[in-house]
Amino acid sequence: MNGDRYSFGAEGAKYGISFGTALAIAISYTTNHSIVWAIIHGIFSWFYVVYFALVRGE
């Protein structure tokens, strides 16, 4: 296998996780106005984003 392809995939996964966490924190803080809930939802990251989209999305 090509080493560059693996390297690209690892970088993409790293940025995807970071973006999901930031998105979850932003949604949570905007909705709840609580830093504690924002941290908790940041830990769950993409799970909270999908939950928010399914349950509270318009």
PDB file of N, CA and C in Angstrom:
ATOM      1  N   MET A   1       0.840  -1.184   0.000  1.00  0.00           N
ATOM      2  CA  MET A   1       0.000   0.000   0.000  1.00  0.00           C
ATOM      3  C   MET A   1       0.883   1.245   0.000  1.00  0.00           C
ATOM      4  N   ASN A   2       0.311   2.301  -0.471  1.00  0.00           N
ATOM      5  CA  ASN A   2       1.013   3.569  -0.544  1.00  0.00           C
ATOM      6  C   ASN A   2       0.983   4.251   0.824  1.00  0.00           C
ATOM      7  N   GLY A   3       2.139   4.657   1.318  1.00  0.00           N
ATOM      8  CA  GLY A   3       2.220   5.305   2.625  1.00  0.00           C
ATOM      9  C   GLY A   3       1.495   6.636   2.660  1.00  0.00           C
ATOM     10  N   ASP A   4       1.466   7.369   1.548  1.00  0.00           N
ATOM     11  CA  ASP A   4       0.790   8.662   1.502  1.00  0.00           C
ATOM     12  C   ASP A   4      -0.718   8.512   1.683  1.00  0.00           C
ATOM     13  N   ARG A   5      -1.278   7.468   1.123  1.00  0.00           N
ATOM     14  CA  ARG A   5      -2.718   7.254   1.237  1.00  0.00           C
ATOM     15  C   ARG A   5      -3.096   7.037   2.704  1.00  0.00           C
ATOM     16  N   TYR A   6      -2.316   6.237   3.427  1.00  0.00           N
ATOM     17  CA  TYR A   6      -2.584   5.989   4.841  1.00  0.00           C
ATOM     18  C   TYR A   6      -2.425   7.273   5.643  1.00  0.00           C
ATOM     19  N   SER A   7      -1.394   8.031   5.357  1.00  0.00           N
ATOM     20  CA  SER A   7      -1.149   9.284   6.058  1.00  0.00           C
ATOM     21  C   SER A   7      -2.310  10.251   5.852  1.00  0.00           C
ATOM     22  N   PHE A   8      -2.812  10.329   4.639  1.00  0.00           N
ATOM     23  CA  PHE A   8      -3.935  11.212   4.340  1.00  0.00           C
ATOM     24  C   PHE A   8      -5.171  10.789   5.127  1.00  0.00           C
ATOM     25  N   GLY A   9      -5.420   9.485   5.207  1.00  0.00           N
ATOM     26  CA  GLY A   9      -6.573   8.985   5.937  1.00  0.00           C
ATOM     27  C   GLY A   9      -6.494   9.286   7.422  1.00  0.00           C
ATOM     28  N   ALA A  10      -5.313   9.165   7.993  1.00  0.00           N
ATOM     29  CA  ALA A  10      -5.140   9.452   9.413  1.00  0.00           C
ATOM     30  C   ALA A  10      -5.359  10.930   9.689  1.00  0.00           C
ATOM     31  N   GLU A  11      -4.872  11.790   8.817  1.00  0.00           N
ATOM     32  CA  GLU A  11      -5.083  13.226   8.998  1.00  0.00           C
ATOM     33  C   GLU A  11      -6.563  13.576   8.865  1.00  0.00           C
ATOM     34  N   GLY A  12      -7.248  12.968   7.916  1.00  0.00           N
ATOM     35  CA  GLY A  12      -8.674  13.228   7.744  1.00  0.00           C
ATOM     36  C   GLY A  12      -9.478  12.818   8.965  1.00  0.00           C
ATOM     37  N   ALA A  13      -9.136  11.693   9.549  1.00  0.00           N
ATOM     38  CA  ALA A  13      -9.839  11.232  10.748  1.00  0.00           C
ATOM     39  C   ALA A  13      -9.583  12.171  11.915  1.00  0.00           C
ATOM     40  N   LYS A  14      -8.365  12.659  12.029  1.00  0.00           N
ATOM     41  CA  LYS A  14      -8.033  13.568  13.129  1.00  0.00           C
ATOM     42  C   LYS A  14      -8.848  14.851  13.027  1.00  0.00           C
ATOM     43  N   TYR A  15      -8.952  15.416  11.838  1.00  0.00           N
ATOM     44  CA  TYR A  15      -9.707  16.647  11.666  1.00  0.00           C
ATOM     45  C   TYR A  15     -11.203  16.403  11.812  1.00  0.00           C
ATOM     46  N   GLY A  16     -11.682  15.251  11.402  1.00  0.00           N
ATOM     47  CA  GLY A  16     -13.095  14.932  11.543  1.00  0.00           C
ATOM     48  C   GLY A  16     -13.513  14.861  12.992  1.00  0.00           C
ATOM     49  N   ILE A  17     -12.691  14.280  13.815  1.00  0.00           N
ATOM     50  CA  ILE A  17     -12.990  14.188  15.240  1.00  0.00           C
ATOM     51  C   ILE A  17     -12.964  15.574  15.879  1.00  0.00           C
ATOM     52  N   SER A  18     -12.001  16.382  15.533  1.00  0.00           N
ATOM     53  CA  SER A  18     -11.903  17.731  16.088  1.00  0.00           C
ATOM     54  C   SER A  18     -13.095  18.581  15.673  1.00  0.00           C
ATOM     55  N   PHE A  19     -13.498  18.489  14.414  1.00  0.00           N
ATOM     56  CA  PHE A  19     -14.636  19.264  13.936  1.00  0.00           C
ATOM     57  C   PHE A  19     -15.922  18.822  14.616  1.00  0.00           C
ATOM     58  N   GLY A  20     -16.113  17.518  14.790  1.00  0.00           N
ATOM     59  CA  GLY A  20     -17.302  17.008  15.449  1.00  0.00           C
ATOM     60  C   GLY A  20     -17.411  17.483  16.888  1.00  0.00           C
ATOM     61  N   THR A  21     -16.284  17.510  17.573  1.00  0.00           N
ATOM     62  CA  THR A  21     -16.270  17.985  18.954  1.00  0.00           C
ATOM     63  C   THR A  21     -16.617  19.463  19.021  1.00  0.00           C
ATOM     64  N   ALA A  22     -16.006  20.258  18.148  1.00  0.00           N
ATOM     65  CA  ALA A  22     -16.283  21.700  18.135  1.00  0.00           C
ATOM     66  C   ALA A  22     -17.741  21.978  17.785  1.00  0.00           C
ATOM     67  N   LEU A  23     -18.278  21.236  16.845  1.00  0.00           N
ATOM     68  CA  LEU A  23     -19.670  21.411  16.450  1.00  0.00           C
ATOM     69  C   LEU A  23     -20.614  21.055  17.591  1.00  0.00           C
ATOM     70  N   ALA A  24     -20.341  19.954  18.272  1.00  0.00           N
ATOM     71  CA  ALA A  24     -21.183  19.543  19.403  1.00  0.00           C
ATOM     72  C   ALA A  24     -21.145  20.579  20.517  1.00  0.00           C
ATOM     73  N   ILE A  25     -19.969  21.120  20.804  1.00  0.00           N
ATOM     74  CA  ILE A  25     -19.843  22.135  21.858  1.00  0.00           C
ATOM     75  C   ILE A  25     -20.603  23.396  21.474  1.00  0.00           C
ATOM     76  N   ALA A  26     -20.480  23.819  20.232  1.00  0.00           N
ATOM     77  CA  ALA A  26     -21.171  25.030  19.780  1.00  0.00           C
ATOM     78  C   ALA A  26     -22.690  24.861  19.839  1.00  0.00           C
ATOM     79  N   ILE A  27     -23.190  23.730  19.365  1.00  0.00           N
ATOM     80  CA  ILE A  27     -24.633  23.474  19.400  1.00  0.00           C
ATOM     81  C   ILE A  27     -25.124  23.421  20.840  1.00  0.00           C
ATOM     82  N   SER A  28     -24.391  22.704  21.686  1.00  0.00           N
ATOM     83  CA  SER A  28     -24.804  22.538  23.072  1.00  0.00           C
ATOM     84  C   SER A  28     -24.820  23.862  23.816  1.00  0.00           C
ATOM     85  N   TYR A  29     -23.771  24.662  23.647  1.00  0.00           N
ATOM     86  CA  TYR A  29     -23.721  25.930  24.382  1.00  0.00           C
ATOM     87  C   TYR A  29     -24.788  26.897  23.893  1.00  0.00           C
ATOM     88  N   THR A  30     -25.040  26.900  22.589  1.00  0.00           N
ATOM     89  CA  THR A  30     -26.070  27.774  22.034  1.00  0.00           C
ATOM     90  C   THR A  30     -27.450  27.371  22.544  1.00  0.00           C
ATOM     91  N   THR A  31     -27.679  26.079  22.664  1.00  0.00           N
ATOM     92  CA  THR A  31     -28.983  25.583  23.100  1.00  0.00           C
ATOM     93  C   THR A  31     -29.176  25.698  24.607  1.00  0.00           C
ATOM     94  N   ASN A  32     -28.165  25.287  25.394  1.00  0.00           N
ATOM     95  CA  ASN A  32     -28.320  25.175  26.849  1.00  0.00           C
ATOM     96  C   ASN A  32     -27.702  26.317  27.641  1.00  0.00           C
ATOM     97  N   HIS A  33     -26.791  27.080  27.066  1.00  0.00           N
ATOM     98  CA  HIS A  33     -26.067  28.153  27.757  1.00  0.00           C
ATOM     99  C   HIS A  33     -25.383  27.640  29.024  1.00  0.00           C
ATOM    100  N   SER A  34     -24.789  26.463  28.926  1.00  0.00           N
ATOM    101  CA  SER A  34     -24.106  25.846  30.057  1.00  0.00           C
ATOM    102  C   SER A  34     -22.763  25.274  29.597  1.00  0.00           C
ATOM    103  N   ILE A  35     -21.704  25.693  30.259  1.00  0.00           N
ATOM    104  CA  ILE A  35     -20.367  25.196  29.910  1.00  0.00           C
ATOM    105  C   ILE A  35     -20.238  23.723  30.273  1.00  0.00           C
ATOM    106  N   VAL A  36     -20.833  23.307  31.385  1.00  0.00           N
ATOM    107  CA  VAL A  36     -20.745  21.910  31.807  1.00  0.00           C
ATOM    108  C   VAL A  36     -21.384  20.989  30.776  1.00  0.00           C
ATOM    109  N   TRP A  37     -22.590  21.342  30.315  1.00  0.00           N
ATOM    110  CA  TRP A  37     -23.243  20.522  29.285  1.00  0.00           C
ATOM    111  C   TRP A  37     -22.467  20.556  27.976  1.00  0.00           C
ATOM    112  N   ALA A  38     -21.871  21.691  27.652  1.00  0.00           N
ATOM    113  CA  ALA A  38     -21.072  21.784  26.428  1.00  0.00           C
ATOM    114  C   ALA A  38     -19.879  20.839  26.485  1.00  0.00           C
ATOM    115  N   ILE A  39     -19.240  20.738  27.638  1.00  0.00           N
ATOM    116  CA  ILE A  39     -18.106  19.818  27.796  1.00  0.00           C
ATOM    117  C   ILE A  39     -18.581  18.369  27.668  1.00  0.00           C
ATOM    118  N   ILE A  40     -19.677  18.042  28.323  1.00  0.00           N
ATOM    119  CA  ILE A  40     -20.208  16.674  28.253  1.00  0.00           C
ATOM    120  C   ILE A  40     -20.582  16.323  26.816  1.00  0.00           C
ATOM    121  N   HIS A  41     -21.258  17.230  26.127  1.00  0.00           N
ATOM    122  CA  HIS A  41     -21.654  16.964  24.748  1.00  0.00           C
ATOM    123  C   HIS A  41     -20.438  16.941  23.833  1.00  0.00           C
ATOM    124  N   GLY A  42     -19.393  17.689  24.159  1.00  0.00           N
ATOM    125  CA  GLY A  42     -18.156  17.634  23.387  1.00  0.00           C
ATOM    126  C   GLY A  42     -17.487  16.277  23.485  1.00  0.00           C
ATOM    127  N   ILE A  43     -17.600  15.649  24.637  1.00  0.00           N
ATOM    128  CA  ILE A  43     -17.035  14.305  24.813  1.00  0.00           C
ATOM    129  C   ILE A  43     -17.771  13.312  23.917  1.00  0.00           C
ATOM    130  N   PHE A  44     -19.091  13.463  23.810  1.00  0.00           N
ATOM    131  CA  PHE A  44     -19.874  12.567  22.959  1.00  0.00           C
ATOM    132  C   PHE A  44     -19.843  12.979  21.488  1.00  0.00           C
ATOM    133  N   SER A  45     -19.389  14.142  21.198  1.00  0.00           N
ATOM    134  CA  SER A  45     -19.217  14.776  19.883  1.00  0.00           C
ATOM    135  C   SER A  45     -20.250  14.369  18.833  1.00  0.00           C
ATOM    136  N   TRP A  46     -19.913  13.505  17.891  1.00  0.00           N
ATOM    137  CA  TRP A  46     -20.800  13.212  16.773  1.00  0.00           C
ATOM    138  C   TRP A  46     -22.103  12.560  17.216  1.00  0.00           C
ATOM    139  N   PHE A  47     -22.091  11.829  18.326  1.00  0.00           N
ATOM    140  CA  PHE A  47     -23.342  11.237  18.811  1.00  0.00           C
ATOM    141  C   PHE A  47     -24.343  12.332  19.174  1.00  0.00           C
ATOM    142  N   TYR A  48     -23.855  13.387  19.819  1.00  0.00           N
ATOM    143  CA  TYR A  48     -24.745  14.492  20.174  1.00  0.00           C
ATOM    144  C   TYR A  48     -25.196  15.262  18.935  1.00  0.00           C
ATOM    145  N   VAL A  49     -24.315  15.452  17.979  1.00  0.00           N
ATOM    146  CA  VAL A  49     -24.675  16.165  16.754  1.00  0.00           C
ATOM    147  C   VAL A  49     -25.789  15.418  16.018  1.00  0.00           C
ATOM    148  N   VAL A  50     -25.657  14.109  15.886  1.00  0.00           N
ATOM    149  CA  VAL A  50     -26.692  13.313  15.204  1.00  0.00           C
ATOM    150  C   VAL A  50     -27.986  13.332  16.010  1.00  0.00           C
ATOM    151  N   TYR A  51     -27.894  13.197  17.335  1.00  0.00           N
ATOM    152  CA  TYR A  51     -29.078  13.261  18.190  1.00  0.00           C
ATOM    153  C   TYR A  51     -29.796  14.613  18.017  1.00  0.00           C
ATOM    154  N   PHE A  52     -29.028  15.679  18.045  1.00  0.00           N
ATOM    155  CA  PHE A  52     -29.621  17.013  17.905  1.00  0.00           C
ATOM    156  C   PHE A  52     -30.313  17.158  16.555  1.00  0.00           C
ATOM    157  N   ALA A  53     -29.682  16.659  15.501  1.00  0.00           N
ATOM    158  CA  ALA A  53     -30.262  16.762  14.154  1.00  0.00           C
ATOM    159  C   ALA A  53     -31.548  15.952  14.044  1.00  0.00           C
ATOM    160  N   LEU A  54     -31.595  14.783  14.658  1.00  0.00           N
ATOM    161  CA  LEU A  54     -32.773  13.925  14.558  1.00  0.00           C
ATOM    162  C   LEU A  54     -33.915  14.387  15.451  1.00  0.00           C
ATOM    163  N   VAL A  55     -33.596  14.795  16.675  1.00  0.00           N
ATOM    164  CA  VAL A  55     -34.629  15.105  17.648  1.00  0.00           C
ATOM    165  C   VAL A  55     -35.048  16.571  17.611  1.00  0.00           C
ATOM    166  N   ARG A  56     -34.069  17.469  17.556  1.00  0.00           N
ATOM    167  CA  ARG A  56     -34.388  18.886  17.653  1.00  0.00           C
ATOM    168  C   ARG A  56     -34.269  19.627  16.333  1.00  0.00           C
ATOM    169  N   GLY A  57     -33.818  18.975  15.295  1.00  0.00           N
ATOM    170  CA  GLY A  57     -33.661  19.632  14.004  1.00  0.00           C
ATOM    171  C   GLY A  57     -35.002  20.018  13.391  1.00  0.00           C
ATOM    172  N   GLU A  58     -34.991  21.084  12.630  1.00  0.00           N
ATOM    173  CA  GLU A  58     -36.250  21.543  12.026  1.00  0.00           C
ATOM    174  C   GLU A  58     -36.346  21.124  10.597  1.00  0.00           C
TER     175      GLU A  58
END
